[in-house]
Amino acid sequence: MHRRDLLTGALCAATSLLLPLSAAKGRGFSGYVYTADEHGNSISAIDLSTSRVTIVPVAISPHNIQVSADGARILAVGEPAKDGDHDHGAGDHADKADGRLLVFDPKRLRSGPIATVLVGKHPAHVVLDGAGKRAFVTLAGSDAVAVVDLARGRVARRTRTGRYPHGLRISPDGREIYVANVEDGSVSVIDIASGIESVRIPVGRAPVQVGFTPDGARVYVSLRDENRIAAIDTASRAVIGRIPVGRGPIQVHSTPDGRFVYVANQGTDLEPADTVSVIDVSTNSVVDTIRTGAGAHGVTVSSDGRFVFVTNIVESTVTAIDAGTRSVVATFAVGKGPNGISFRSSAA
């Protein structure tokens, strides 16, 4: 299929998916939610104040998306767009064209990226430093993290990790990056100042993503093939617990108050799961399970902690959860196969 056909399909989708599946108005929503629609070669932007969804075609099959701390930029990573689904985290090291990092101005999303950077083989996730000067991209195809100088628009260096690095997050103090290595059951800890992997922590089978508590004291790691979450004490660099959750946990995200961690349970291709597990950090136990949509994958939390948003990759929707009542309050139709998700406040 030609790129023009892909763009046409995405634009048609934008015309038909402008409204949420269930009403969201009157819920106290504000801000924006962005999704990386990997199977649709698009990015979806949900304006929470109006419930309007805009789907923008892009030149990659984006797997992950991230809003900068100041809300001024949106970054997405993926391989060059093609027809058909992708399966990140499955251990495929096939030789593929270099993946791209796309940089967008959220206020002019429809205009396309303001910068494109070739980053390397099979980019999975991206995060930014607090100043918005550097982006860190996991390269699952070369077992490394690429450090991108955003001002110069190029990769400044690469740091070796464990096998098949996938999800990553920066510590709240901005000093370290924790990286989930799917194929060797470990988490790499990278010192940002030196660019060196300082330690590699064994955690369990198929770690996919990591999530810090706001105080930086713990990191929670999804163990996809164990149906559990590993809790790491960052001071001792040791696993202090493994918590049973739903089937095939993927992304994890703490609430701003540090009391709870939300876990999206995707299941498998043949048997998709549709739940989110809520972990109480004080007890390291699941205190609630919320039904979302088939293939629950990505998780983000509003900056005020009132709402949790989850991508459902099979249903091509985003579920909005009221964190106070732990109930689903809205469902939005987005582009095909949404994976990564990120929140931007209306004040940004």
C-alpha atoms as a PDB file:
ATOM      1  CA  MET A   1       0.000   0.000   0.000  1.00  0.00           C
ATOM      2  CA  HIS A   2       1.332   3.456  -0.911  1.00  0.00           C
ATOM      3  CA  ARG A   3       1.832   6.181   1.664  1.00  0.00           C
ATOM      4  CA  ARG A   4      -0.915   8.259  -0.003  1.00  0.00           C
ATOM      5  CA  ASP A   5      -3.379   5.408   0.594  1.00  0.00           C
ATOM      6  CA  LEU A   6      -2.307   5.223   4.236  1.00  0.00           C
ATOM      7  CA  LEU A   7      -2.834   8.949   4.689  1.00  0.00           C
ATOM      8  CA  THR A   8      -6.215   8.825   3.001  1.00  0.00           C
ATOM      9  CA  GLY A   9      -7.339   6.025   5.295  1.00  0.00           C
ATOM     10  CA  ALA A  10      -6.210   7.913   8.375  1.00  0.00           C
ATOM     11  CA  LEU A  11      -7.956  11.088   7.277  1.00  0.00           C
ATOM     12  CA  CYS A  12     -11.182   9.184   6.678  1.00  0.00           C
ATOM     13  CA  ALA A  13     -10.875   7.795  10.204  1.00  0.00           C
ATOM     14  CA  ALA A  14     -10.533  11.325  11.525  1.00  0.00           C
ATOM     15  CA  THR A  15     -13.831  12.254   9.931  1.00  0.00           C
ATOM     16  CA  SER A  16     -15.704   9.356  11.513  1.00  0.00           C
ATOM     17  CA  LEU A  17     -14.201   9.411  15.009  1.00  0.00           C
ATOM     18  CA  LEU A  18     -14.720  12.967  16.196  1.00  0.00           C
ATOM     19  CA  LEU A  19     -16.946  12.156  19.177  1.00  0.00           C
ATOM     20  CA  PRO A  20     -16.485   9.878  22.210  1.00  0.00           C
ATOM     21  CA  LEU A  21     -18.395   6.629  22.452  1.00  0.00           C
ATOM     22  CA  SER A  22     -19.877   7.699  25.766  1.00  0.00           C
ATOM     23  CA  ALA A  23     -20.586  11.196  27.026  1.00  0.00           C
ATOM     24  CA  ALA A  24     -17.740  12.935  28.836  1.00  0.00           C
ATOM     25  CA  LYS A  25     -19.131  16.425  29.218  1.00  0.00           C
ATOM     26  CA  GLY A  26     -19.960  17.493  32.747  1.00  0.00           C
ATOM     27  CA  ARG A  27     -17.278  15.225  34.221  1.00  0.00           C
ATOM     28  CA  GLY A  28     -14.926  18.046  35.138  1.00  0.00           C
ATOM     29  CA  PHE A  29     -12.448  17.091  32.425  1.00  0.00           C
ATOM     30  CA  SER A  30      -9.782  19.521  31.306  1.00  0.00           C
ATOM     31  CA  GLY A  31      -6.564  19.172  29.362  1.00  0.00           C
ATOM     32  CA  TYR A  32      -5.612  16.896  26.495  1.00  0.00           C
ATOM     33  CA  VAL A  33      -4.790  13.230  26.028  1.00  0.00           C
ATOM     34  CA  TYR A  34      -2.602  12.014  23.163  1.00  0.00           C
ATOM     35  CA  THR A  35      -2.318   8.452  21.871  1.00  0.00           C
ATOM     36  CA  ALA A  36       0.166   6.712  19.587  1.00  0.00           C
ATOM     37  CA  ASP A  37      -2.038   4.768  17.164  1.00  0.00           C
ATOM     38  CA  GLU A  38       0.463   2.169  16.003  1.00  0.00           C
ATOM     39  CA  HIS A  39      -1.865   0.160  13.789  1.00  0.00           C
ATOM     40  CA  GLY A  40      -3.379   3.254  12.198  1.00  0.00           C
ATOM     41  CA  ASN A  41      -0.172   5.228  11.540  1.00  0.00           C
ATOM     42  CA  SER A  42      -1.639   8.198  13.365  1.00  0.00           C
ATOM     43  CA  ILE A  43      -1.700  10.273  16.529  1.00  0.00           C
ATOM     44  CA  SER A  44      -4.988  11.018  18.266  1.00  0.00           C
ATOM     45  CA  ALA A  45      -5.563  14.159  20.325  1.00  0.00           C
ATOM     46  CA  ILE A  46      -8.493  14.229  22.757  1.00  0.00           C
ATOM     47  CA  ASP A  47      -9.605  17.690  23.866  1.00  0.00           C
ATOM     48  CA  LEU A  48     -11.135  16.752  27.202  1.00  0.00           C
ATOM     49  CA  SER A  49     -13.012  20.040  27.624  1.00  0.00           C
ATOM     50  CA  THR A  50     -14.990  19.540  24.405  1.00  0.00           C
ATOM     51  CA  SER A  51     -14.784  15.730  23.988  1.00  0.00           C
ATOM     52  CA  ARG A  52     -13.475  16.297  20.472  1.00  0.00           C
ATOM     53  CA  VAL A  53     -11.017  13.742  19.068  1.00  0.00           C
ATOM     54  CA  THR A  54      -8.662  14.730  16.255  1.00  0.00           C
ATOM     55  CA  ILE A  55      -6.730  12.018  14.411  1.00  0.00           C
ATOM     56  CA  VAL A  56      -3.610  13.102  12.569  1.00  0.00           C
ATOM     57  CA  PRO A  57      -1.796  10.781  10.104  1.00  0.00           C
ATOM     58  CA  VAL A  58       1.967  10.526  10.575  1.00  0.00           C
ATOM     59  CA  ALA A  59       4.872   9.000   8.651  1.00  0.00           C
ATOM     60  CA  ILE A  60       5.574   6.370  11.311  1.00  0.00           C
ATOM     61  CA  SER A  61       3.691   3.596  13.049  1.00  0.00           C
ATOM     62  CA  PRO A  62       3.998   5.261  16.472  1.00  0.00           C
ATOM     63  CA  HIS A  63       4.377   2.952  19.428  1.00  0.00           C
ATOM     64  CA  ASN A  64       4.859   5.527  22.144  1.00  0.00           C
ATOM     65  CA  ILE A  65       4.154   9.203  22.708  1.00  0.00           C
ATOM     66  CA  GLN A  66       5.254  11.655  25.386  1.00  0.00           C
ATOM     67  CA  VAL A  67       4.423  15.263  26.276  1.00  0.00           C
ATOM     68  CA  SER A  68       7.280  17.411  27.576  1.00  0.00           C
ATOM     69  CA  ALA A  69       7.125  18.647  31.164  1.00  0.00           C
ATOM     70  CA  ASP A  70       6.205  22.167  30.050  1.00  0.00           C
ATOM     71  CA  GLY A  71       3.644  20.908  27.542  1.00  0.00           C
ATOM     72  CA  ALA A  72       5.348  22.729  24.672  1.00  0.00           C
ATOM     73  CA  ARG A  73       6.339  19.622  22.705  1.00  0.00           C
ATOM     74  CA  ILE A  74       4.988  16.182  21.886  1.00  0.00           C
ATOM     75  CA  LEU A  75       7.379  13.382  20.947  1.00  0.00           C
ATOM     76  CA  ALA A  76       6.458  10.143  19.210  1.00  0.00           C
ATOM     77  CA  VAL A  77       8.635   7.208  18.176  1.00  0.00           C
ATOM     78  CA  GLY A  78       8.143   4.337  15.773  1.00  0.00           C
ATOM     79  CA  GLU A  79       9.216   2.670  12.575  1.00  0.00           C
ATOM     80  CA  PRO A  80       8.392   4.015   9.086  1.00  0.00           C
ATOM     81  CA  ALA A  81       4.674   3.621   8.458  1.00  0.00           C
ATOM     82  CA  LYS A  82       3.473   0.547   6.675  1.00  0.00           C
ATOM     83  CA  ASP A  83       0.256  -1.379   6.347  1.00  0.00           C
ATOM     84  CA  GLY A  84      -0.388  -4.048   8.948  1.00  0.00           C
ATOM     85  CA  ASP A  85       0.013  -4.441  12.678  1.00  0.00           C
ATOM     86  CA  HIS A  86       3.194  -4.327  14.720  1.00  0.00           C
ATOM     87  CA  ASP A  87       4.111  -6.360  17.754  1.00  0.00           C
ATOM     88  CA  HIS A  88       6.572  -4.569  20.004  1.00  0.00           C
ATOM     89  CA  GLY A  89       7.874  -6.537  22.951  1.00  0.00           C
ATOM     90  CA  ALA A  90       7.677  -9.882  21.163  1.00  0.00           C
ATOM     91  CA  GLY A  91      11.429 -10.336  20.809  1.00  0.00           C
ATOM     92  CA  ASP A  92      11.690  -9.685  17.048  1.00  0.00           C
ATOM     93  CA  HIS A  93      15.187  -8.462  16.159  1.00  0.00           C
ATOM     94  CA  ALA A  94      14.589  -8.497  12.421  1.00  0.00           C
ATOM     95  CA  ASP A  95      16.625  -6.008  10.387  1.00  0.00           C
ATOM     96  CA  LYS A  96      14.385  -3.018   9.736  1.00  0.00           C
ATOM     97  CA  ALA A  97      14.825   0.539   8.553  1.00  0.00           C
ATOM     98  CA  ASP A  98      15.901   3.060  11.135  1.00  0.00           C
ATOM     99  CA  GLY A  99      13.050   4.234  13.290  1.00  0.00           C
ATOM    100  CA  ARG A 100      12.124   7.876  13.729  1.00  0.00           C
ATOM    101  CA  LEU A 101      11.572  10.313  16.528  1.00  0.00           C
ATOM    102  CA  LEU A 102       8.982  12.929  15.563  1.00  0.00           C
ATOM    103  CA  VAL A 103       8.678  16.242  17.419  1.00  0.00           C
ATOM    104  CA  PHE A 104       5.391  18.173  17.311  1.00  0.00           C
ATOM    105  CA  ASP A 105       4.058  21.505  18.465  1.00  0.00           C
ATOM    106  CA  PRO A 106       0.795  20.493  20.209  1.00  0.00           C
ATOM    107  CA  LYS A 107      -0.856  23.753  19.161  1.00  0.00           C
ATOM    108  CA  ARG A 108      -0.176  22.938  15.508  1.00  0.00           C
ATOM    109  CA  LEU A 109      -0.443  19.166  15.532  1.00  0.00           C
ATOM    110  CA  ARG A 110      -2.234  19.016  12.178  1.00  0.00           C
ATOM    111  CA  SER A 111       0.712  20.754  10.497  1.00  0.00           C
ATOM    112  CA  GLY A 112       2.910  17.722  11.096  1.00  0.00           C
ATOM    113  CA  PRO A 113       6.242  17.353  12.872  1.00  0.00           C
ATOM    114  CA  ILE A 114       8.559  20.306  13.332  1.00  0.00           C
ATOM    115  CA  ALA A 115      11.535  17.926  13.503  1.00  0.00           C
ATOM    116  CA  THR A 116      12.346  14.334  12.548  1.00  0.00           C
ATOM    117  CA  VAL A 117      15.350  12.428  13.908  1.00  0.00           C
ATOM    118  CA  LEU A 118      16.610   9.014  12.783  1.00  0.00           C
ATOM    119  CA  VAL A 119      17.258   7.156  16.036  1.00  0.00           C
ATOM    120  CA  GLY A 120      17.969   3.506  15.248  1.00  0.00           C
ATOM    121  CA  LYS A 121      16.488   0.040  15.066  1.00  0.00           C
ATOM    122  CA  HIS A 122      13.046  -0.653  16.482  1.00  0.00           C
ATOM    123  CA  PRO A 123      12.422   2.367  18.752  1.00  0.00           C
ATOM    124  CA  ALA A 124       9.908   1.546  21.474  1.00  0.00           C
ATOM    125  CA  HIS A 125       9.524   4.300  24.090  1.00  0.00           C
ATOM    126  CA  VAL A 126      10.651   7.899  24.554  1.00  0.00           C
ATOM    127  CA  VAL A 127      11.034  10.171  27.591  1.00  0.00           C
ATOM    128  CA  LEU A 128      12.403  13.713  27.972  1.00  0.00           C
ATOM    129  CA  ASP A 129      14.568  15.336  30.602  1.00  0.00           C
ATOM    130  CA  GLY A 130      12.994  18.045  32.740  1.00  0.00           C
ATOM    131  CA  ALA A 131      14.480  20.857  30.675  1.00  0.00           C
ATOM    132  CA  GLY A 132      13.171  19.393  27.438  1.00  0.00           C
ATOM    133  CA  LYS A 133      16.653  19.425  25.876  1.00  0.00           C
ATOM    134  CA  ARG A 134      17.281  15.700  25.590  1.00  0.00           C
ATOM    135  CA  ALA A 135      15.115  12.765  24.644  1.00  0.00           C
ATOM    136  CA  PHE A 136      15.901   9.177  25.567  1.00  0.00           C
ATOM    137  CA  VAL A 137      14.677   6.454  23.213  1.00  0.00           C
ATOM    138  CA  THR A 138      14.840   2.696  23.766  1.00  0.00           C
ATOM    139  CA  LEU A 139      16.155   0.862  20.704  1.00  0.00           C
ATOM    140  CA  ALA A 140      14.867  -2.681  21.046  1.00  0.00           C
ATOM    141  CA  GLY A 141      16.601  -3.703  17.838  1.00  0.00           C
ATOM    142  CA  SER A 142      20.097  -2.819  19.059  1.00  0.00           C
ATOM    143  CA  ASP A 143      19.868  -3.241  22.856  1.00  0.00           C
ATOM    144  CA  ALA A 144      20.552   0.389  23.615  1.00  0.00           C
ATOM    145  CA  VAL A 145      19.086   3.716  24.656  1.00  0.00           C
ATOM    146  CA  ALA A 146      19.644   6.598  22.231  1.00  0.00           C
ATOM    147  CA  VAL A 147      20.267  10.033  23.735  1.00  0.00           C
ATOM    148  CA  VAL A 148      18.891  12.671  21.359  1.00  0.00           C
ATOM    149  CA  ASP A 149      20.069  16.281  21.396  1.00  0.00           C
ATOM    150  CA  LEU A 150      16.811  17.994  20.472  1.00  0.00           C
ATOM    151  CA  ALA A 151      18.385  21.361  19.661  1.00  0.00           C
ATOM    152  CA  ARG A 152      20.750  19.774  17.131  1.00  0.00           C
ATOM    153  CA  GLY A 153      18.267  17.153  15.986  1.00  0.00           C
ATOM    154  CA  ARG A 154      20.638  14.201  16.221  1.00  0.00           C
ATOM    155  CA  VAL A 155      21.610  11.250  18.386  1.00  0.00           C
ATOM    156  CA  ALA A 156      24.405  12.359  20.703  1.00  0.00           C
ATOM    157  CA  ARG A 157      25.250   8.912  22.067  1.00  0.00           C
ATOM    158  CA  ARG A 158      23.932   5.436  22.747  1.00  0.00           C
ATOM    159  CA  THR A 159      24.066   3.521  26.021  1.00  0.00           C
ATOM    160  CA  ARG A 160      24.058  -0.266  26.074  1.00  0.00           C
ATOM    161  CA  THR A 161      21.311  -2.010  28.052  1.00  0.00           C
ATOM    162  CA  GLY A 162      19.977  -5.502  28.547  1.00  0.00           C
ATOM    163  CA  ARG A 163      18.336  -7.430  25.707  1.00  0.00           C
ATOM    164  CA  TYR A 164      15.370  -5.829  23.958  1.00  0.00           C
ATOM    165  CA  PRO A 165      14.891  -2.622  26.013  1.00  0.00           C
ATOM    166  CA  HIS A 166      11.318  -1.401  25.928  1.00  0.00           C
ATOM    167  CA  GLY A 167       9.678   0.924  28.491  1.00  0.00           C
ATOM    168  CA  LEU A 168      11.733   3.501  30.372  1.00  0.00           C
ATOM    169  CA  ARG A 169      11.214   6.351  32.828  1.00  0.00           C
ATOM    170  CA  ILE A 170      13.388   9.067  34.366  1.00  0.00           C
ATOM    171  CA  SER A 171      13.678   9.207  38.148  1.00  0.00           C
ATOM    172  CA  PRO A 172      11.888  12.151  39.818  1.00  0.00           C
ATOM    173  CA  ASP A 173      15.262  13.714  40.747  1.00  0.00           C
ATOM    174  CA  GLY A 174      16.326  13.573  37.087  1.00  0.00           C
ATOM    175  CA  ARG A 175      19.510  11.611  37.770  1.00  0.00           C
ATOM    176  CA  GLU A 176      18.738   8.123  36.513  1.00  0.00           C
ATOM    177  CA  ILE A 177      16.766   6.210  33.928  1.00  0.00           C
ATOM    178  CA  TYR A 178      15.260   2.811  34.614  1.00  0.00           C
ATOM    179  CA  VAL A 179      14.779   0.623  31.522  1.00  0.00           C
ATOM    180  CA  ALA A 180      12.760  -2.605  31.242  1.00  0.00           C
ATOM    181  CA  ASN A 181      14.635  -5.244  29.201  1.00  0.00           C
ATOM    182  CA  VAL A 182      12.059  -7.699  27.867  1.00  0.00           C
ATOM    183  CA  GLU A 183      14.305 -10.557  26.773  1.00  0.00           C
ATOM    184  CA  ASP A 184      16.706 -10.955  29.706  1.00  0.00           C
ATOM    185  CA  GLY A 185      14.301 -10.293  32.579  1.00  0.00           C
ATOM    186  CA  SER A 186      16.121  -7.272  33.899  1.00  0.00           C
ATOM    187  CA  VAL A 187      15.959  -3.520  34.498  1.00  0.00           C
ATOM    188  CA  SER A 188      18.935  -1.373  33.470  1.00  0.00           C
ATOM    189  CA  VAL A 189      19.739   1.647  35.631  1.00  0.00           C
ATOM    190  CA  ILE A 190      21.470   4.375  33.594  1.00  0.00           C
ATOM    191  CA  ASP A 191      23.298   7.288  35.186  1.00  0.00           C
ATOM    192  CA  ILE A 192      22.250  10.280  33.078  1.00  0.00           C
ATOM    193  CA  ALA A 193      25.326  12.407  33.814  1.00  0.00           C
ATOM    194  CA  SER A 194      27.826   9.767  32.703  1.00  0.00           C
ATOM    195  CA  GLY A 195      25.610   7.946  30.219  1.00  0.00           C
ATOM    196  CA  ILE A 196      26.682   4.614  31.692  1.00  0.00           C
ATOM    197  CA  GLU A 197      24.578   1.660  32.822  1.00  0.00           C
ATOM    198  CA  SER A 198      25.454   1.569  36.516  1.00  0.00           C
ATOM    199  CA  VAL A 199      23.619  -1.618  37.452  1.00  0.00           C
ATOM    200  CA  ARG A 200      21.308  -4.235  35.973  1.00  0.00           C
ATOM    201  CA  ILE A 201      18.615  -5.594  38.283  1.00  0.00           C
ATOM    202  CA  PRO A 202      17.062  -9.071  37.711  1.00  0.00           C
ATOM    203  CA  VAL A 203      13.278  -8.723  38.072  1.00  0.00           C
ATOM    204  CA  GLY A 204      11.416 -11.583  36.373  1.00  0.00           C
ATOM    205  CA  ARG A 205       9.999 -12.742  33.055  1.00  0.00           C
ATOM    206  CA  ALA A 206       9.364 -10.231  30.268  1.00  0.00           C
ATOM    207  CA  PRO A 207       9.529  -6.837  31.989  1.00  0.00           C
ATOM    208  CA  VAL A 208       7.812  -4.345  29.674  1.00  0.00           C
ATOM    209  CA  GLN A 209       7.525  -0.981  31.453  1.00  0.00           C
ATOM    210  CA  VAL A 210       8.600   0.755  34.651  1.00  0.00           C
ATOM    211  CA  GLY A 211       6.964   3.437  36.782  1.00  0.00           C
ATOM    212  CA  PHE A 212       8.376   5.525  39.641  1.00  0.00           C
ATOM    213  CA  THR A 213       6.498   6.667  42.692  1.00  0.00           C
ATOM    214  CA  PRO A 214       6.711  10.493  42.914  1.00  0.00           C
ATOM    215  CA  ASP A 215       9.223  10.365  45.775  1.00  0.00           C
ATOM    216  CA  GLY A 216      11.518   8.114  43.740  1.00  0.00           C
ATOM    217  CA  ALA A 217      11.672   5.513  46.499  1.00  0.00           C
ATOM    218  CA  ARG A 218      10.150   2.702  44.441  1.00  0.00           C
ATOM    219  CA  VAL A 219       9.925   1.551  40.864  1.00  0.00           C
ATOM    220  CA  TYR A 220       7.138  -0.766  39.735  1.00  0.00           C
ATOM    221  CA  VAL A 221       7.875  -3.075  36.795  1.00  0.00           C
ATOM    222  CA  SER A 222       5.319  -4.983  34.734  1.00  0.00           C
ATOM    223  CA  LEU A 223       6.211  -8.662  34.286  1.00  0.00           C
ATOM    224  CA  ARG A 224       4.100  -9.540  31.284  1.00  0.00           C
ATOM    225  CA  ASP A 225       4.716 -13.288  31.259  1.00  0.00           C
ATOM    226  CA  GLU A 226       4.244 -13.707  35.016  1.00  0.00           C
ATOM    227  CA  ASN A 227       1.043 -11.679  35.407  1.00  0.00           C
ATOM    228  CA  ARG A 228       2.783  -9.836  38.203  1.00  0.00           C
ATOM    229  CA  ILE A 229       4.347  -6.479  39.058  1.00  0.00           C
ATOM    230  CA  ALA A 230       7.809  -6.320  40.628  1.00  0.00           C
ATOM    231  CA  ALA A 231       8.453  -3.579  43.186  1.00  0.00           C
ATOM    232  CA  ILE A 232      12.032  -2.280  43.355  1.00  0.00           C
ATOM    233  CA  ASP A 233      13.477  -0.349  46.283  1.00  0.00           C
ATOM    234  CA  THR A 234      15.648   2.250  44.549  1.00  0.00           C
ATOM    235  CA  ALA A 235      17.959   2.708  47.541  1.00  0.00           C
ATOM    236  CA  SER A 236      18.975  -0.956  47.733  1.00  0.00           C
ATOM    237  CA  ARG A 237      18.395  -1.720  44.013  1.00  0.00           C
ATOM    238  CA  ALA A 238      16.535  -4.852  45.145  1.00  0.00           C
ATOM    239  CA  VAL A 239      13.126  -6.340  44.361  1.00  0.00           C
ATOM    240  CA  ILE A 240      11.084  -6.096  47.545  1.00  0.00           C
ATOM    241  CA  GLY A 241       7.911  -7.752  46.294  1.00  0.00           C
ATOM    242  CA  ARG A 242       6.051  -9.282  43.365  1.00  0.00           C
ATOM    243  CA  ILE A 243       2.353  -8.482  43.157  1.00  0.00           C
ATOM    244  CA  PRO A 244      -0.167 -10.639  41.235  1.00  0.00           C
ATOM    245  CA  VAL A 245      -2.280  -8.559  38.818  1.00  0.00           C
ATOM    246  CA  GLY A 246      -4.342  -9.254  35.694  1.00  0.00           C
ATOM    247  CA  ARG A 247      -3.234 -11.126  32.584  1.00  0.00           C
ATOM    248  CA  GLY A 248      -0.381  -9.694  30.539  1.00  0.00           C
ATOM    249  CA  PRO A 249       0.361  -6.435  32.399  1.00  0.00           C
ATOM    250  CA  ILE A 250       1.965  -3.773  30.194  1.00  0.00           C
ATOM    251  CA  GLN A 251       2.121  -0.144  31.324  1.00  0.00           C
ATOM    252  CA  VAL A 252       2.163   1.141  34.907  1.00  0.00           C
ATOM    253  CA  HIS A 253       1.651   4.648  36.275  1.00  0.00           C
ATOM    254  CA  SER A 254       1.599   6.090  39.787  1.00  0.00           C
ATOM    255  CA  THR A 255      -0.891   8.667  40.962  1.00  0.00           C
ATOM    256  CA  PRO A 256       0.597  12.115  41.800  1.00  0.00           C
ATOM    257  CA  ASP A 257       0.065  11.554  45.533  1.00  0.00           C
ATOM    258  CA  GLY A 258       2.079   8.327  45.374  1.00  0.00           C
ATOM    259  CA  ARG A 259      -0.624   6.246  47.024  1.00  0.00           C
ATOM    260  CA  PHE A 260      -1.632   4.036  44.102  1.00  0.00           C
ATOM    261  CA  VAL A 261      -0.196   2.491  40.940  1.00  0.00           C
ATOM    262  CA  TYR A 262      -2.470   1.718  37.994  1.00  0.00           C
ATOM    263  CA  VAL A 263      -1.584  -1.287  35.808  1.00  0.00           C
ATOM    264  CA  ALA A 264      -3.055  -1.962  32.345  1.00  0.00           C
ATOM    265  CA  ASN A 265      -3.560  -5.682  31.677  1.00  0.00           C
ATOM    266  CA  GLN A 266      -3.519  -6.400  27.941  1.00  0.00           C
ATOM    267  CA  GLY A 267      -3.662 -10.182  27.933  1.00  0.00           C
ATOM    268  CA  THR A 268      -2.574 -11.934  24.721  1.00  0.00           C
ATOM    269  CA  ASP A 269      -3.383 -11.599  21.029  1.00  0.00           C
ATOM    270  CA  LEU A 270      -5.592 -14.683  21.176  1.00  0.00           C
ATOM    271  CA  GLU A 271      -7.168 -13.797  24.531  1.00  0.00           C
ATOM    272  CA  PRO A 272      -7.103 -10.029  25.113  1.00  0.00           C
ATOM    273  CA  ALA A 273      -7.657  -8.846  28.668  1.00  0.00           C
ATOM    274  CA  ASP A 274      -9.676  -5.760  29.556  1.00  0.00           C
ATOM    275  CA  THR A 275      -8.771  -4.762  33.092  1.00  0.00           C
ATOM    276  CA  VAL A 276      -6.743  -2.298  35.117  1.00  0.00           C
ATOM    277  CA  SER A 277      -5.319  -3.375  38.473  1.00  0.00           C
ATOM    278  CA  VAL A 278      -4.983  -0.761  41.229  1.00  0.00           C
ATOM    279  CA  ILE A 279      -2.056  -1.334  43.603  1.00  0.00           C
ATOM    280  CA  ASP A 280      -1.967   0.235  47.059  1.00  0.00           C
ATOM    281  CA  VAL A 281       1.661   1.320  47.507  1.00  0.00           C
ATOM    282  CA  SER A 282       1.454   1.148  51.316  1.00  0.00           C
ATOM    283  CA  THR A 283       0.672  -2.580  51.249  1.00  0.00           C
ATOM    284  CA  ASN A 284       1.952  -3.595  47.795  1.00  0.00           C
ATOM    285  CA  SER A 285      -1.335  -5.319  47.094  1.00  0.00           C
ATOM    286  CA  VAL A 286      -4.159  -4.981  44.563  1.00  0.00           C
ATOM    287  CA  VAL A 287      -7.123  -3.172  46.093  1.00  0.00           C
ATOM    288  CA  ASP A 288      -9.325  -2.883  43.021  1.00  0.00           C
ATOM    289  CA  THR A 289      -9.771  -4.176  39.471  1.00  0.00           C
ATOM    290  CA  ILE A 290     -11.509  -1.991  36.879  1.00  0.00           C
ATOM    291  CA  ARG A 291     -12.991  -3.223  33.595  1.00  0.00           C
ATOM    292  CA  THR A 292     -11.904  -1.054  30.641  1.00  0.00           C
ATOM    293  CA  GLY A 293     -11.736  -2.306  27.038  1.00  0.00           C
ATOM    294  CA  ALA A 294     -10.128  -5.171  25.147  1.00  0.00           C
ATOM    295  CA  GLY A 295      -6.354  -5.005  25.057  1.00  0.00           C
ATOM    296  CA  ALA A 296      -5.751  -2.494  27.872  1.00  0.00           C
ATOM    297  CA  HIS A 297      -2.215  -1.270  27.204  1.00  0.00           C
ATOM    298  CA  GLY A 298      -1.123   2.303  27.984  1.00  0.00           C
ATOM    299  CA  VAL A 299      -1.768   4.300  31.171  1.00  0.00           C
ATOM    300  CA  THR A 300      -1.474   7.976  32.038  1.00  0.00           C
ATOM    301  CA  VAL A 301      -2.829  10.091  34.891  1.00  0.00           C
ATOM    302  CA  SER A 302      -4.038  13.698  34.811  1.00  0.00           C
ATOM    303  CA  SER A 303      -1.700  16.146  36.535  1.00  0.00           C
ATOM    304  CA  ASP A 304      -4.255  16.751  39.304  1.00  0.00           C
ATOM    305  CA  GLY A 305      -4.657  13.014  39.865  1.00  0.00           C
ATOM    306  CA  ARG A 306      -8.420  13.056  39.329  1.00  0.00           C
ATOM    307  CA  PHE A 307      -8.536  10.889  36.224  1.00  0.00           C
ATOM    308  CA  VAL A 308      -6.704   7.895  34.793  1.00  0.00           C
ATOM    309  CA  PHE A 309      -6.677   7.264  31.032  1.00  0.00           C
ATOM    310  CA  VAL A 310      -6.089   3.844  29.452  1.00  0.00           C
ATOM    311  CA  THR A 311      -5.603   2.853  25.804  1.00  0.00           C
ATOM    312  CA  ASN A 312      -7.441  -0.253  24.625  1.00  0.00           C
ATOM    313  CA  ILE A 313      -5.430  -1.542  21.677  1.00  0.00           C
ATOM    314  CA  VAL A 314      -7.974  -4.081  20.375  1.00  0.00           C
ATOM    315  CA  GLU A 315     -11.011  -1.791  20.574  1.00  0.00           C
ATOM    316  CA  SER A 316      -9.140   1.365  19.452  1.00  0.00           C
ATOM    317  CA  THR A 317     -10.501   3.349  22.375  1.00  0.00           C
ATOM    318  CA  VAL A 318      -9.383   5.290  25.437  1.00  0.00           C
ATOM    319  CA  THR A 319     -11.094   4.679  28.761  1.00  0.00           C
ATOM    320  CA  ALA A 320     -11.349   7.506  31.297  1.00  0.00           C
ATOM    321  CA  ILE A 321     -11.467   6.412  34.950  1.00  0.00           C
ATOM    322  CA  ASP A 322     -12.474   8.601  37.883  1.00  0.00           C
ATOM    323  CA  ALA A 323      -9.641   7.957  40.363  1.00  0.00           C
ATOM    324  CA  GLY A 324     -11.845   8.894  43.308  1.00  0.00           C
ATOM    325  CA  THR A 325     -14.615   6.401  42.610  1.00  0.00           C
ATOM    326  CA  ARG A 326     -12.525   4.047  40.454  1.00  0.00           C
ATOM    327  CA  SER A 327     -15.328   3.927  37.933  1.00  0.00           C
ATOM    328  CA  VAL A 328     -15.296   4.345  34.145  1.00  0.00           C
ATOM    329  CA  VAL A 329     -16.767   7.731  33.257  1.00  0.00           C
ATOM    330  CA  ALA A 330     -16.102   7.992  29.521  1.00  0.00           C
ATOM    331  CA  THR A 331     -14.833   6.085  26.493  1.00  0.00           C
ATOM    332  CA  PHE A 332     -13.313   7.814  23.465  1.00  0.00           C
ATOM    333  CA  ALA A 333     -12.858   6.357  19.989  1.00  0.00           C
ATOM    334  CA  VAL A 334      -9.347   7.063  18.667  1.00  0.00           C
ATOM    335  CA  GLY A 335      -7.093   5.829  15.860  1.00  0.00           C
ATOM    336  CA  LYS A 336      -6.470   2.148  15.213  1.00  0.00           C
ATOM    337  CA  GLY A 337      -4.412   0.199  17.733  1.00  0.00           C
ATOM    338  CA  PRO A 338      -3.553   2.845  20.329  1.00  0.00           C
ATOM    339  CA  ASN A 339      -0.481   1.966  22.375  1.00  0.00           C
ATOM    340  CA  GLY A 340       1.309   4.778  24.190  1.00  0.00           C
ATOM    341  CA  ILE A 341      -0.599   7.607  25.863  1.00  0.00           C
ATOM    342  CA  SER A 342       0.321  10.935  27.461  1.00  0.00           C
ATOM    343  CA  PHE A 343      -1.498  13.797  29.215  1.00  0.00           C
ATOM    344  CA  ARG A 344      -1.076  17.577  28.788  1.00  0.00           C
ATOM    345  CA  SER A 345      -2.786  20.019  31.144  1.00  0.00           C
ATOM    346  CA  SER A 346      -4.826  22.897  29.761  1.00  0.00           C
ATOM    347  CA  ALA A 347      -2.481  25.307  31.545  1.00  0.00           C
ATOM    348  CA  ALA A 348       0.491  24.147  29.470  1.00  0.00           C
END
